[in-house]
Amino acid sequence: MKREGTSSVSFIQLTADAADGAALDEIDAVASAAFDAPQFSAREELRRPWARCWVAREGRRALAFLIAWHVADELHVLNIATCPTARRRGLATALMRRSLDYAQQQQVRLLLLEVRRSNRAAIRLYRKLGFTAMGVRPRYYSDNGEDAVEMVLTLDPTTGAVQPGRDEIRIEV
């Protein structure tokens, strides 16, 4: 399947002081459209000084977002979502690459995330970027009790180069 591309899409990094109510409402709307039972609030997340947010926009409309926490030398990806009507355009990949660029600029050593065991498309994306599976959090997701796969990407803090890793657990992709 050919992707439509991201040529008409702009990417911005939002901070708590630069995010207005409309932008936060748009992010929450993307989360509501993307997840069956979103337990998430952009306002709440961006109040935290360690939160980072990237948004993919087409014109004045948010299509996708990524929210992460930058603490010490780690960037923990908390949430990444794309509107169902904008999927298969490479937006999640572009947002992950922006968070990776940020991590390299900030001399982050580890990128961490959890992903539903059943979300094979996301797992393939993370693997393509160099993430490896390091563990399982049983019954992590409260909506259906699904397990989460813990994934990690190690960067050289000096050069920003992705360090090769290997899976600590076996997962199906």
Protein backbone atom coordinates (compact mmCIF):
# COMPACT_ATOMS: atom_id res chain seq x y z
CA MET A 1 0.00 0.00 0.00
CA LYS A 2 1.42 3.36 -0.98
CA ARG A 3 1.46 5.98 1.74
CA GLU A 4 0.02 9.40 1.06
CA GLY A 5 3.04 11.02 2.68
CA THR A 6 3.44 13.86 5.09
CA SER A 7 4.25 16.69 2.65
CA SER A 8 1.23 18.81 3.65
CA VAL A 9 1.73 18.07 7.34
CA SER A 10 3.64 20.30 9.73
CA PHE A 11 5.19 19.12 12.97
CA ILE A 12 5.42 21.26 16.06
CA GLN A 13 6.74 20.73 19.54
CA LEU A 14 4.33 21.97 22.19
CA THR A 15 5.25 23.05 25.68
CA ALA A 16 2.97 23.83 28.60
CA ASP A 17 3.52 27.58 28.23
CA ALA A 18 3.00 27.52 24.45
CA ALA A 19 -0.08 25.30 24.34
CA ASP A 20 -3.41 27.07 24.25
CA GLY A 21 -6.71 25.48 25.19
CA ALA A 22 -7.69 24.80 21.59
CA ALA A 23 -4.46 22.90 20.89
CA LEU A 24 -4.93 20.80 24.02
CA ASP A 25 -8.56 20.09 23.07
CA GLU A 26 -7.37 18.93 19.63
CA ILE A 27 -4.85 16.52 21.17
CA ASP A 28 -7.55 15.13 23.44
CA ALA A 29 -9.84 14.75 20.40
CA VAL A 30 -7.14 12.75 18.57
CA ALA A 31 -6.78 10.52 21.65
CA SER A 32 -10.56 10.01 21.83
CA ALA A 33 -10.73 9.10 18.15
CA ALA A 34 -7.69 6.82 18.29
CA PHE A 35 -8.32 4.87 21.50
CA ASP A 36 -11.37 2.91 22.57
CA ALA A 37 -11.17 4.15 26.15
CA PRO A 38 -8.67 6.99 26.44
CA GLN A 39 -7.57 7.64 29.99
CA PHE A 40 -5.52 10.64 29.05
CA SER A 41 -5.57 14.41 29.32
CA ALA A 42 -3.18 16.61 27.34
CA ARG A 43 -3.74 19.43 29.84
CA GLU A 44 -2.78 17.22 32.74
CA GLU A 45 0.29 15.82 31.00
CA LEU A 46 1.63 19.15 29.79
CA ARG A 47 1.41 20.65 33.28
CA ARG A 48 4.40 18.52 34.17
CA PRO A 49 7.67 20.35 33.45
CA TRP A 50 9.29 17.13 32.24
CA ALA A 51 6.57 16.45 29.62
CA ARG A 52 7.36 16.87 25.93
CA CYS A 53 4.77 16.86 23.16
CA TRP A 54 4.99 16.77 19.37
CA VAL A 55 1.94 17.29 17.17
CA ALA A 56 1.39 16.55 13.48
CA ARG A 57 -0.96 19.11 11.94
CA GLU A 58 -2.54 19.53 8.57
CA GLY A 59 -3.59 23.12 8.23
CA ARG A 60 -5.13 23.97 11.58
CA ARG A 61 -6.15 20.40 12.45
CA ALA A 62 -4.17 18.02 14.67
CA LEU A 63 -3.83 14.57 13.11
CA ALA A 64 -1.45 12.85 15.51
CA PHE A 65 0.59 13.46 18.63
CA LEU A 66 3.31 11.98 20.79
CA ILE A 67 3.73 12.76 24.48
CA ALA A 68 6.83 11.73 26.41
CA TRP A 69 8.49 12.40 29.74
CA HIS A 70 12.11 13.55 29.73
CA VAL A 71 13.58 12.66 33.12
CA ALA A 72 17.35 12.62 33.71
CA ASP A 73 18.86 10.74 30.75
CA GLU A 74 15.66 8.94 29.74
CA LEU A 75 12.79 9.76 27.40
CA HIS A 76 9.70 7.68 28.19
CA VAL A 77 7.13 7.69 25.38
CA LEU A 78 3.76 7.69 27.14
CA ASN A 79 1.29 8.08 24.33
CA ILE A 80 1.35 8.18 20.57
CA ALA A 81 -1.89 8.41 18.61
CA THR A 82 -3.09 9.09 15.09
CA CYS A 83 -6.65 9.93 14.01
CA PRO A 84 -8.10 6.87 12.30
CA THR A 85 -8.69 8.88 9.09
CA ALA A 86 -5.00 9.88 8.95
CA ARG A 87 -3.44 6.46 9.52
CA ARG A 88 -1.01 4.80 7.09
CA ARG A 89 0.55 8.16 6.17
CA GLY A 90 3.74 7.76 8.21
CA LEU A 91 2.74 10.24 10.91
CA ALA A 92 3.60 7.95 13.84
CA THR A 93 6.97 7.22 12.27
CA ALA A 94 7.63 10.93 11.74
CA LEU A 95 6.68 11.73 15.34
CA MET A 96 8.88 8.93 16.68
CA ARG A 97 11.77 10.25 14.57
CA ARG A 98 11.25 13.74 16.01
CA SER A 99 11.33 12.37 19.54
CA LEU A 100 14.48 10.45 18.64
CA ASP A 101 16.08 13.62 17.22
CA TYR A 102 15.19 15.42 20.45
CA ALA A 103 16.67 12.58 22.50
CA GLN A 104 19.92 12.71 20.54
CA GLN A 105 20.17 16.51 20.92
CA GLN A 106 19.51 16.25 24.67
CA GLN A 107 22.03 13.42 25.16
CA VAL A 108 19.36 11.00 26.29
CA ARG A 109 20.65 7.49 26.95
CA LEU A 110 17.41 5.46 26.95
CA LEU A 111 14.08 5.72 25.15
CA LEU A 112 11.41 3.62 26.84
CA LEU A 113 7.82 2.72 26.04
CA GLU A 114 5.08 0.19 26.64
CA VAL A 115 2.96 -1.19 23.84
CA ARG A 116 -0.03 -3.51 23.81
CA ARG A 117 1.09 -7.04 23.02
CA SER A 118 -1.59 -7.17 20.28
CA ASN A 119 -0.45 -3.94 18.57
CA ARG A 120 1.75 -5.58 15.96
CA ALA A 121 1.88 -2.52 13.69
CA ALA A 122 3.31 -0.40 16.51
CA ILE A 123 5.76 -3.11 17.53
CA ARG A 124 6.99 -3.31 13.90
CA LEU A 125 7.44 0.47 13.87
CA TYR A 126 9.42 0.46 17.11
CA ARG A 127 11.58 -2.43 15.89
CA LYS A 128 12.29 -0.56 12.66
CA LEU A 129 13.65 2.30 14.78
CA GLY A 130 15.86 -0.07 16.79
CA PHE A 131 13.78 -0.77 19.91
CA THR A 132 14.07 -4.18 21.56
CA ALA A 133 11.69 -6.01 23.89
CA MET A 134 12.92 -6.03 27.48
CA GLY A 135 9.96 -7.28 29.50
CA VAL A 136 6.23 -7.72 29.92
CA ARG A 137 3.89 -5.91 32.29
CA PRO A 138 1.07 -8.39 32.91
CA ARG A 139 -2.49 -6.98 32.73
CA TYR A 140 -1.07 -3.45 32.30
CA TYR A 141 -4.00 -1.97 30.38
CA SER A 142 -6.99 -1.33 32.63
CA ASP A 143 -9.59 -1.31 29.82
CA ASN A 144 -9.15 -4.99 28.97
CA GLY A 145 -6.32 -6.36 31.12
CA GLU A 146 -4.00 -6.81 28.14
CA ASP A 147 -0.28 -7.20 28.77
CA ALA A 148 2.16 -4.48 27.78
CA VAL A 149 5.48 -5.21 26.15
CA GLU A 150 8.24 -2.99 27.55
CA MET A 151 10.59 -1.78 24.83
CA VAL A 152 13.86 0.11 25.01
CA LEU A 153 16.19 1.90 22.62
CA THR A 154 19.69 2.70 23.86
CA LEU A 155 21.58 5.73 22.51
CA ASP A 156 25.20 6.64 22.93
CA PRO A 157 24.82 9.86 24.96
CA THR A 158 27.88 11.42 23.34
CA THR A 159 27.21 10.69 19.67
CA GLY A 160 23.47 9.98 19.74
CA ALA A 161 24.05 6.80 17.76
CA VAL A 162 21.56 3.98 18.26
CA GLN A 163 23.24 1.15 20.16
CA PRO A 164 22.40 -2.36 19.00
CA GLY A 165 20.37 -4.35 21.47
CA ARG A 166 18.69 -7.70 21.67
CA ASP A 167 15.36 -8.88 22.94
CA GLU A 168 15.22 -10.08 26.53
CA ILE A 169 11.86 -11.73 25.88
CA ARG A 170 10.24 -13.38 22.88
CA ILE A 171 7.31 -11.61 21.26
CA GLU A 172 5.32 -12.34 18.11
CA VAL A 173 5.26 -9.67 15.43
